[in-house]
Amino acid sequence: MARRRFDPVSFVLGCATVAAGVVVLAGGELIEEARWLLPATLIGVGAAVLVRIGRRHAGSPGAAGGAGTAGGAADDG
């Protein structure tokens, strides 16, 4: 089996699903005893999306200023 890259969004959603399952299996009602789950999941997904975007931009060559330099030179002429 081929090794896959880490996906932070899937990881956060999987952790939220496991947490919801633990609350339900422990005998609690999800709505009453896990009011923190939805906000925590949304914050986690937002952070995971930022991590994913940051990795995408850090990995692309010339993303730091290559396009801006070429565009600036074209405007001067």
N, C-alpha and C. Protein backbone atom coordinates (compact mmCIF):
# COMPACT_ATOMS: atom_id res chain seq x y z
N MET A 1 0.85 -1.18 0.00
CA MET A 1 0.00 0.00 0.00
C MET A 1 0.89 1.24 0.00
N ALA A 2 0.56 2.18 -0.86
CA ALA A 2 1.35 3.40 -0.98
C ALA A 2 1.07 4.33 0.20
N ARG A 3 2.10 5.02 0.63
CA ARG A 3 1.96 5.97 1.73
C ARG A 3 1.35 7.26 1.20
N ARG A 4 0.40 7.80 1.93
CA ARG A 4 -0.28 9.02 1.52
C ARG A 4 0.19 10.20 2.35
N ARG A 5 0.01 11.41 1.79
CA ARG A 5 0.38 12.62 2.52
C ARG A 5 -0.64 12.89 3.62
N PHE A 6 -0.20 13.55 4.67
CA PHE A 6 -1.07 13.92 5.80
C PHE A 6 -2.05 14.98 5.35
N ASP A 7 -3.33 14.76 5.64
CA ASP A 7 -4.38 15.71 5.29
C ASP A 7 -4.95 16.29 6.59
N PRO A 8 -4.60 17.54 6.95
CA PRO A 8 -5.03 18.10 8.23
C PRO A 8 -6.54 18.27 8.36
N VAL A 9 -7.23 18.57 7.27
CA VAL A 9 -8.69 18.75 7.34
C VAL A 9 -9.36 17.43 7.68
N SER A 10 -8.97 16.36 7.01
CA SER A 10 -9.53 15.04 7.30
C SER A 10 -9.21 14.61 8.73
N PHE A 11 -8.02 14.95 9.20
CA PHE A 11 -7.63 14.60 10.56
C PHE A 11 -8.53 15.29 11.58
N VAL A 12 -8.79 16.57 11.40
CA VAL A 12 -9.64 17.33 12.34
C VAL A 12 -11.06 16.79 12.32
N LEU A 13 -11.60 16.54 11.12
CA LEU A 13 -12.96 16.02 11.03
C LEU A 13 -13.05 14.61 11.62
N GLY A 14 -12.03 13.81 11.45
CA GLY A 14 -12.00 12.48 12.05
C GLY A 14 -11.96 12.55 13.57
N CYS A 15 -11.15 13.47 14.11
CA CYS A 15 -11.10 13.64 15.57
C CYS A 15 -12.44 14.09 16.13
N ALA A 16 -13.13 14.99 15.40
CA ALA A 16 -14.45 15.45 15.86
C ALA A 16 -15.45 14.30 15.84
N THR A 17 -15.37 13.45 14.84
CA THR A 17 -16.27 12.30 14.77
C THR A 17 -16.01 11.34 15.92
N VAL A 18 -14.75 11.09 16.21
CA VAL A 18 -14.41 10.21 17.33
C VAL A 18 -14.88 10.81 18.65
N ALA A 19 -14.71 12.12 18.83
CA ALA A 19 -15.16 12.77 20.07
C ALA A 19 -16.67 12.67 20.23
N ALA A 20 -17.40 12.87 19.12
CA ALA A 20 -18.86 12.74 19.18
C ALA A 20 -19.26 11.31 19.54
N GLY A 21 -18.57 10.34 18.98
CA GLY A 21 -18.86 8.94 19.30
C GLY A 21 -18.58 8.60 20.75
N VAL A 22 -17.50 9.15 21.29
CA VAL A 22 -17.16 8.90 22.70
C VAL A 22 -18.22 9.49 23.62
N VAL A 23 -18.69 10.69 23.31
CA VAL A 23 -19.73 11.32 24.14
C VAL A 23 -21.00 10.47 24.12
N VAL A 24 -21.40 10.02 22.94
CA VAL A 24 -22.62 9.22 22.83
C VAL A 24 -22.45 7.86 23.52
N LEU A 25 -21.31 7.20 23.32
CA LEU A 25 -21.08 5.91 23.94
C LEU A 25 -20.97 6.00 25.46
N ALA A 26 -20.55 7.14 25.98
CA ALA A 26 -20.44 7.32 27.42
C ALA A 26 -21.79 7.54 28.07
N GLY A 27 -22.84 7.58 27.27
CA GLY A 27 -24.18 7.72 27.83
C GLY A 27 -24.71 9.13 27.82
N GLY A 28 -23.97 10.06 27.29
CA GLY A 28 -24.42 11.45 27.26
C GLY A 28 -25.17 11.74 25.98
N GLU A 29 -25.90 12.81 26.01
CA GLU A 29 -26.57 13.28 24.81
C GLU A 29 -25.64 14.27 24.12
N LEU A 30 -25.51 14.12 22.84
CA LEU A 30 -24.55 14.92 22.09
C LEU A 30 -24.86 16.41 22.17
N ILE A 31 -26.13 16.77 22.11
CA ILE A 31 -26.50 18.19 22.11
C ILE A 31 -26.29 18.81 23.50
N GLU A 32 -26.59 18.09 24.56
CA GLU A 32 -26.49 18.65 25.90
C GLU A 32 -25.07 18.65 26.45
N GLU A 33 -24.32 17.59 26.21
CA GLU A 33 -23.03 17.44 26.88
C GLU A 33 -21.83 17.74 26.00
N ALA A 34 -22.05 18.04 24.76
CA ALA A 34 -20.92 18.33 23.87
C ALA A 34 -21.15 19.63 23.10
N ARG A 35 -21.56 20.65 23.81
CA ARG A 35 -21.78 21.95 23.17
C ARG A 35 -20.47 22.53 22.65
N TRP A 36 -19.36 22.09 23.16
CA TRP A 36 -18.05 22.57 22.74
C TRP A 36 -17.60 21.93 21.43
N LEU A 37 -18.25 20.84 21.01
CA LEU A 37 -17.76 20.06 19.87
C LEU A 37 -17.85 20.83 18.55
N LEU A 38 -18.96 21.47 18.27
CA LEU A 38 -19.11 22.18 17.00
C LEU A 38 -18.15 23.37 16.89
N PRO A 39 -18.08 24.25 17.90
CA PRO A 39 -17.11 25.35 17.79
C PRO A 39 -15.66 24.87 17.70
N ALA A 40 -15.33 23.83 18.46
CA ALA A 40 -13.96 23.31 18.40
C ALA A 40 -13.66 22.72 17.03
N THR A 41 -14.64 22.06 16.43
CA THR A 41 -14.45 21.50 15.10
C THR A 41 -14.26 22.60 14.06
N LEU A 42 -15.08 23.63 14.14
CA LEU A 42 -14.95 24.73 13.18
C LEU A 42 -13.61 25.45 13.31
N ILE A 43 -13.16 25.66 14.53
CA ILE A 43 -11.85 26.28 14.74
C ILE A 43 -10.75 25.37 14.21
N GLY A 44 -10.87 24.08 14.47
CA GLY A 44 -9.87 23.13 13.98
C GLY A 44 -9.83 23.04 12.46
N VAL A 45 -10.99 23.03 11.83
CA VAL A 45 -11.03 22.99 10.37
C VAL A 45 -10.43 24.27 9.79
N GLY A 46 -10.73 25.40 10.39
CA GLY A 46 -10.14 26.66 9.92
C GLY A 46 -8.63 26.65 10.03
N ALA A 47 -8.12 26.17 11.15
CA ALA A 47 -6.67 26.09 11.34
C ALA A 47 -6.06 25.10 10.35
N ALA A 48 -6.73 23.97 10.12
CA ALA A 48 -6.21 22.97 9.18
C ALA A 48 -6.18 23.51 7.75
N VAL A 49 -7.19 24.29 7.38
CA VAL A 49 -7.19 24.89 6.05
C VAL A 49 -6.04 25.87 5.91
N LEU A 50 -5.78 26.66 6.95
CA LEU A 50 -4.65 27.59 6.91
C LEU A 50 -3.33 26.86 6.80
N VAL A 51 -3.19 25.74 7.50
CA VAL A 51 -1.97 24.93 7.41
C VAL A 51 -1.81 24.40 5.99
N ARG A 52 -2.89 23.91 5.42
CA ARG A 52 -2.84 23.35 4.07
C ARG A 52 -2.46 24.44 3.05
N ILE A 53 -3.04 25.62 3.18
CA ILE A 53 -2.72 26.71 2.26
C ILE A 53 -1.27 27.15 2.44
N GLY A 54 -0.82 27.22 3.69
CA GLY A 54 0.57 27.59 3.94
C GLY A 54 1.56 26.61 3.37
N ARG A 55 1.27 25.34 3.47
CA ARG A 55 2.15 24.32 2.89
C ARG A 55 2.16 24.41 1.37
N ARG A 56 1.02 24.70 0.78
CA ARG A 56 0.93 24.77 -0.68
C ARG A 56 1.77 25.92 -1.20
N HIS A 57 1.68 27.09 -0.53
CA HIS A 57 2.44 28.25 -0.98
C HIS A 57 3.92 28.13 -0.65
N ALA A 58 4.27 27.49 0.43
CA ALA A 58 5.67 27.33 0.79
C ALA A 58 6.37 26.36 -0.16
N GLY A 59 5.64 25.42 -0.70
CA GLY A 59 6.23 24.43 -1.58
C GLY A 59 6.37 24.87 -3.02
N SER A 60 5.68 25.93 -3.44
CA SER A 60 5.75 26.35 -4.83
C SER A 60 6.97 27.23 -5.05
N PRO A 61 7.76 26.94 -6.09
CA PRO A 61 8.96 27.73 -6.35
C PRO A 61 8.60 29.12 -6.89
N GLY A 62 9.29 30.13 -6.40
CA GLY A 62 9.08 31.49 -6.89
C GLY A 62 7.85 32.16 -6.33
N ALA A 63 7.20 31.58 -5.36
CA ALA A 63 5.98 32.17 -4.82
C ALA A 63 6.28 33.39 -3.97
N ALA A 64 7.51 33.53 -3.47
CA ALA A 64 7.84 34.61 -2.56
C ALA A 64 7.91 35.96 -3.27
N GLY A 65 8.26 36.01 -4.55
CA GLY A 65 8.35 37.30 -5.19
C GLY A 65 8.68 37.23 -6.65
N GLY A 66 8.75 36.06 -7.22
CA GLY A 66 9.10 35.93 -8.62
C GLY A 66 8.09 36.60 -9.54
N ALA A 67 6.82 36.42 -9.32
CA ALA A 67 5.79 36.99 -10.19
C ALA A 67 5.71 38.49 -9.99
N GLY A 68 5.87 38.97 -8.77
CA GLY A 68 5.79 40.40 -8.50
C GLY A 68 6.94 41.16 -9.14
N THR A 69 8.13 40.58 -9.20
CA THR A 69 9.27 41.22 -9.82
C THR A 69 9.07 41.33 -11.32
N ALA A 70 8.57 40.28 -11.93
CA ALA A 70 8.36 40.30 -13.38
C ALA A 70 7.26 41.31 -13.74
N GLY A 71 6.20 41.37 -12.95
CA GLY A 71 5.12 42.31 -13.21
C GLY A 71 5.57 43.74 -13.05
N GLY A 72 6.41 44.01 -12.05
CA GLY A 72 6.91 45.36 -11.83
C GLY A 72 7.81 45.82 -12.95
N ALA A 73 8.63 44.93 -13.52
CA ALA A 73 9.52 45.28 -14.61
C ALA A 73 8.72 45.61 -15.86
N ALA A 74 7.62 44.93 -16.09
CA ALA A 74 6.82 45.16 -17.27
C ALA A 74 6.10 46.51 -17.19
N ASP A 75 5.74 46.96 -15.98
CA ASP A 75 5.03 48.22 -15.81
C ASP A 75 5.94 49.43 -15.97
N ASP A 76 7.24 49.24 -15.75
CA ASP A 76 8.18 50.36 -15.82
C ASP A 76 8.42 50.82 -17.26
N GLY A 77 8.26 49.90 -18.22
CA GLY A 77 8.63 50.18 -19.62
C GLY A 77 7.59 50.91 -20.31
